[in-house]
Structures are given as C-alpha cells and as structure tokens.
Amino acid sequence: MVAETTEGQDLESLPRKRLSGKRIVLFIVLPLLILAGGGAAIVFSGLLDGILGTEKPVEDAAAAQPPGCVATFHDLPEVLVNLASSAPRRQSYMKLKVSLELCRPEDIPRVVGMQSRVVDNLQVYLRELRIEDLRGSAGFQRLREELRYRIAVALQPVQVRDVLFTEVLVQ
C-alpha cells in the first residue's frame, strides 16, 4: 500500500487508534476470567489434592455409621408385578428381590411382623412404573430412593438405612 499524505502528514505520524472497550473485554478480560474460573474449579474440586499427593484417607464404612448402629440385613420375599404399559397388547413384568439394611438386629422381628404391609406397598408402587422409568442407572437410583422411603414409612419406628437390590429382572 502506498502511504497517503494528508496536508503534508504521513500515516505514520497520525495518532494510533486506541483499543475499543469490546476488544479489551474480548481479548484480555474474558481469557483471564476463564483461566481464573478453571483454576478455582481445579482447586475446589480436589483434583489438585490428587496431583500433589495430599488426599484425605477414605473413612472406614463402619466409622461412617451412627453410634450404636450395627449394619444388619434382612431379605424381603420376591415380588413379581406387571408394569404399566402404554401399549395394551404388550405386557411387561418385573421380578424384584431386595434386602433391607437395618440399623439394629433387634428390628428384624418387627420387620418380619410388618412384611405383608411392606410387600403390599412395593407392589402398589411397582405396578405404576413403566419400563421407561427404569432405564439407566438414574432410573434405578430413583427406584431405590422411592422404595427406601416407602419401606421406611411402613416400618416406622424401625430405621431403614438402605435398600439393596439382590435380583432385578424386567421383561
């Protein structure tokens, strides 16, 4: 390009144009914010602990239990239900066997005495499920939480810590 002169002045002698506010934000402030956010995410997520070797030791499962709580397991009888279906000719069935994790071994006679109520609650809930509700690990986690809640309500004052799937078959 040929440098044009305007009334005896070269382009080199003209004052340079300053950076606009949009360019400052786009090229300076935004990358700094991204770097700062990424650094904060690494520090607060614990990734830095693994890199530096300052990980906290994993607690023993028995230490995580409330005081006076001894993990006790009780198997419920097998439940076989037909699931809700959007297609009337297509029937789906679910066979489920669960084990309850209780806090105290003394609660087992109460669970056995209330077992009919618990199985009834399970069947009523499971009959309303569709196959789509059980897809993926998130579906089974929702099922586990819902069963734990319903069983805990039926067995009050027995403390149900968890519901463990021992057998699940959806057909």
Protein backbone atom coordinates (compact mmCIF):
# COMPACT_ATOMS: atom_id res chain seq x y z
CA MET A 1 0.00 0.00 0.00
CA VAL A 2 1.11 3.46 -0.67
CA ALA A 3 1.13 5.76 2.27
CA GLU A 4 -1.12 8.69 1.53
CA THR A 5 -0.38 12.09 2.78
CA THR A 6 -2.96 14.47 4.02
CA GLU A 7 -1.84 18.07 4.02
CA GLY A 8 1.76 17.09 4.40
CA GLN A 9 1.39 14.34 7.04
CA ASP A 10 2.29 10.65 6.65
CA LEU A 11 0.19 7.81 8.03
CA GLU A 12 3.00 7.03 10.46
CA SER A 13 2.69 10.41 12.05
CA LEU A 14 -1.09 10.11 12.57
CA PRO A 15 -2.16 9.22 16.12
CA ARG A 16 -2.80 5.48 16.58
CA LYS A 17 -6.31 4.34 17.26
CA ARG A 18 -6.84 3.06 20.82
CA LEU A 19 -8.32 -0.36 21.63
CA SER A 20 -12.09 -0.23 21.98
CA GLY A 21 -13.83 -1.48 25.10
CA LYS A 22 -15.25 -4.51 23.26
CA ARG A 23 -11.80 -5.62 22.14
CA ILE A 24 -10.36 -5.23 25.63
CA VAL A 25 -13.12 -7.39 27.06
CA LEU A 26 -12.88 -9.95 24.27
CA PHE A 27 -9.11 -10.39 24.16
CA ILE A 28 -7.95 -9.59 27.69
CA VAL A 29 -10.67 -9.79 30.34
CA LEU A 30 -12.54 -12.85 29.03
CA PRO A 31 -9.46 -15.15 28.81
CA LEU A 32 -8.37 -14.05 32.30
CA LEU A 33 -11.81 -14.91 33.69
CA ILE A 34 -11.76 -18.31 32.00
CA LEU A 35 -8.32 -19.10 33.40
CA ALA A 36 -9.30 -17.94 36.89
CA GLY A 37 -12.53 -19.98 36.83
CA GLY A 38 -10.71 -23.10 35.65
CA GLY A 39 -8.08 -22.71 38.34
CA ALA A 40 -10.71 -22.25 41.03
CA ALA A 41 -12.59 -25.33 39.78
CA ILE A 42 -9.44 -27.44 39.97
CA VAL A 43 -8.58 -26.27 43.47
CA PHE A 44 -12.08 -26.64 44.90
CA SER A 45 -12.89 -29.95 43.20
CA GLY A 46 -9.98 -31.72 44.86
CA LEU A 47 -8.13 -32.51 41.65
CA LEU A 48 -5.15 -30.61 42.96
CA ASP A 49 -5.07 -32.85 46.06
CA GLY A 50 -4.60 -35.93 43.90
CA ILE A 51 -1.80 -34.29 41.91
CA LEU A 52 0.04 -33.04 44.98
CA GLY A 53 -0.49 -36.26 46.93
CA THR A 54 -2.41 -34.62 49.79
CA GLU A 55 -5.52 -36.80 49.55
CA LYS A 56 -7.53 -37.44 52.68
CA PRO A 57 -7.77 -41.12 53.66
CA VAL A 58 -11.07 -42.82 52.90
CA GLU A 59 -13.09 -43.43 56.04
CA ASP A 60 -13.98 -46.95 57.02
CA ALA A 61 -17.65 -47.80 56.34
CA ALA A 62 -18.14 -48.80 59.97
CA ALA A 63 -16.84 -45.41 61.13
CA ALA A 64 -19.42 -43.64 58.94
CA GLN A 65 -22.32 -45.32 60.76
CA PRO A 66 -24.11 -43.51 63.55
CA PRO A 67 -23.07 -44.57 67.05
CA GLY A 68 -24.85 -47.68 68.26
CA CYS A 69 -25.71 -48.74 64.72
CA VAL A 70 -24.69 -52.21 63.58
CA ALA A 71 -25.47 -52.97 59.94
CA THR A 72 -27.99 -55.80 59.77
CA PHE A 73 -29.53 -57.17 56.59
CA HIS A 74 -32.94 -58.74 56.06
CA ASP A 75 -34.16 -60.19 52.75
CA LEU A 76 -37.72 -59.47 51.70
CA PRO A 77 -39.64 -62.05 49.67
CA GLU A 78 -39.50 -61.88 45.89
CA VAL A 79 -42.03 -59.55 44.25
CA LEU A 80 -43.37 -60.17 40.72
CA VAL A 81 -45.54 -57.45 39.16
CA ASN A 82 -46.71 -56.45 35.72
CA LEU A 83 -45.63 -52.91 34.87
CA ALA A 84 -47.85 -50.18 33.46
CA SER A 85 -47.79 -50.21 29.69
CA SER A 86 -48.73 -47.66 27.05
CA ALA A 87 -49.44 -50.45 24.53
CA PRO A 88 -52.38 -52.60 25.68
CA ARG A 89 -51.15 -55.79 23.98
CA ARG A 90 -47.57 -55.52 25.25
CA GLN A 91 -47.21 -56.67 28.86
CA SER A 92 -44.00 -56.05 30.81
CA TYR A 93 -43.10 -57.79 34.03
CA MET A 94 -40.67 -57.01 36.81
CA LYS A 95 -39.23 -59.52 39.23
CA LEU A 96 -37.61 -57.82 42.20
CA LYS A 97 -35.85 -59.11 45.28
CA VAL A 98 -34.45 -56.62 47.80
CA SER A 99 -32.51 -56.74 51.02
CA LEU A 100 -33.03 -54.13 53.73
CA GLU A 101 -30.11 -52.66 55.62
CA LEU A 102 -31.30 -52.04 59.14
CA CYS A 103 -29.54 -50.22 61.92
CA ARG A 104 -30.15 -52.74 64.72
CA PRO A 105 -30.55 -56.53 64.76
CA GLU A 106 -33.41 -56.14 67.27
CA ASP A 107 -35.55 -54.63 64.48
CA ILE A 108 -35.77 -57.86 62.45
CA PRO A 109 -38.82 -59.29 64.34
CA ARG A 110 -40.72 -56.04 63.72
CA VAL A 111 -39.81 -56.17 60.01
CA VAL A 112 -40.99 -59.79 59.79
CA GLY A 113 -44.25 -58.83 61.51
CA MET A 114 -44.85 -55.94 59.09
CA GLN A 115 -43.60 -57.76 55.99
CA SER A 116 -47.07 -58.10 54.43
CA ARG A 117 -47.60 -54.34 54.58
CA VAL A 118 -44.15 -53.69 53.09
CA VAL A 119 -44.74 -56.11 50.19
CA ASP A 120 -48.14 -54.53 49.54
CA ASN A 121 -46.60 -51.04 49.40
CA LEU A 122 -43.93 -52.32 47.00
CA GLN A 123 -46.46 -53.94 44.69
CA VAL A 124 -48.73 -50.89 44.56
CA TYR A 125 -45.80 -48.65 43.67
CA LEU A 126 -44.15 -51.02 41.20
CA ARG A 127 -47.37 -51.60 39.22
CA GLU A 128 -47.44 -47.90 38.34
CA LEU A 129 -43.92 -47.93 36.89
CA ARG A 130 -43.21 -48.06 33.18
CA ILE A 131 -40.15 -49.55 31.52
CA GLU A 132 -39.02 -46.02 30.64
CA ASP A 133 -38.86 -45.19 34.37
CA LEU A 134 -36.27 -47.92 34.90
CA ARG A 135 -33.84 -47.05 32.12
CA GLY A 136 -30.24 -46.36 33.09
CA SER A 137 -28.55 -46.02 36.42
CA ALA A 138 -30.51 -42.85 37.25
CA GLY A 139 -33.78 -44.79 36.90
CA PHE A 140 -32.59 -47.47 39.30
CA GLN A 141 -31.32 -44.86 41.75
CA ARG A 142 -34.75 -43.17 41.75
CA LEU A 143 -36.34 -46.60 42.26
CA ARG A 144 -34.01 -47.32 45.19
CA GLU A 145 -34.78 -43.99 46.88
CA GLU A 146 -38.52 -44.36 46.39
CA LEU A 147 -38.52 -47.91 47.76
CA ARG A 148 -36.40 -46.85 50.74
CA TYR A 149 -38.83 -44.04 51.53
CA ARG A 150 -41.94 -46.23 51.23
CA ILE A 151 -40.45 -49.07 53.26
CA ALA A 152 -39.23 -46.68 55.97
CA VAL A 153 -42.72 -45.18 56.28
CA ALA A 154 -44.31 -48.64 56.53
CA LEU A 155 -41.82 -49.84 59.16
CA GLN A 156 -41.66 -46.79 61.43
CA PRO A 157 -40.01 -46.56 64.03
CA VAL A 158 -37.55 -49.08 62.52
CA GLN A 159 -34.67 -47.22 60.89
CA VAL A 160 -34.07 -48.46 57.31
CA ARG A 161 -30.63 -47.30 56.19
CA ASP A 162 -30.71 -48.60 52.62
CA VAL A 163 -32.47 -50.86 50.14
CA LEU A 164 -30.17 -53.20 48.25
CA PHE A 165 -31.21 -54.92 45.02
CA THR A 166 -30.36 -58.62 45.12
CA GLU A 167 -32.28 -59.54 41.96
CA VAL A 168 -33.92 -57.38 39.30
CA LEU A 169 -35.46 -58.75 36.13
CA VAL A 170 -37.51 -56.65 33.72
CA GLN A 171 -39.06 -58.47 30.82
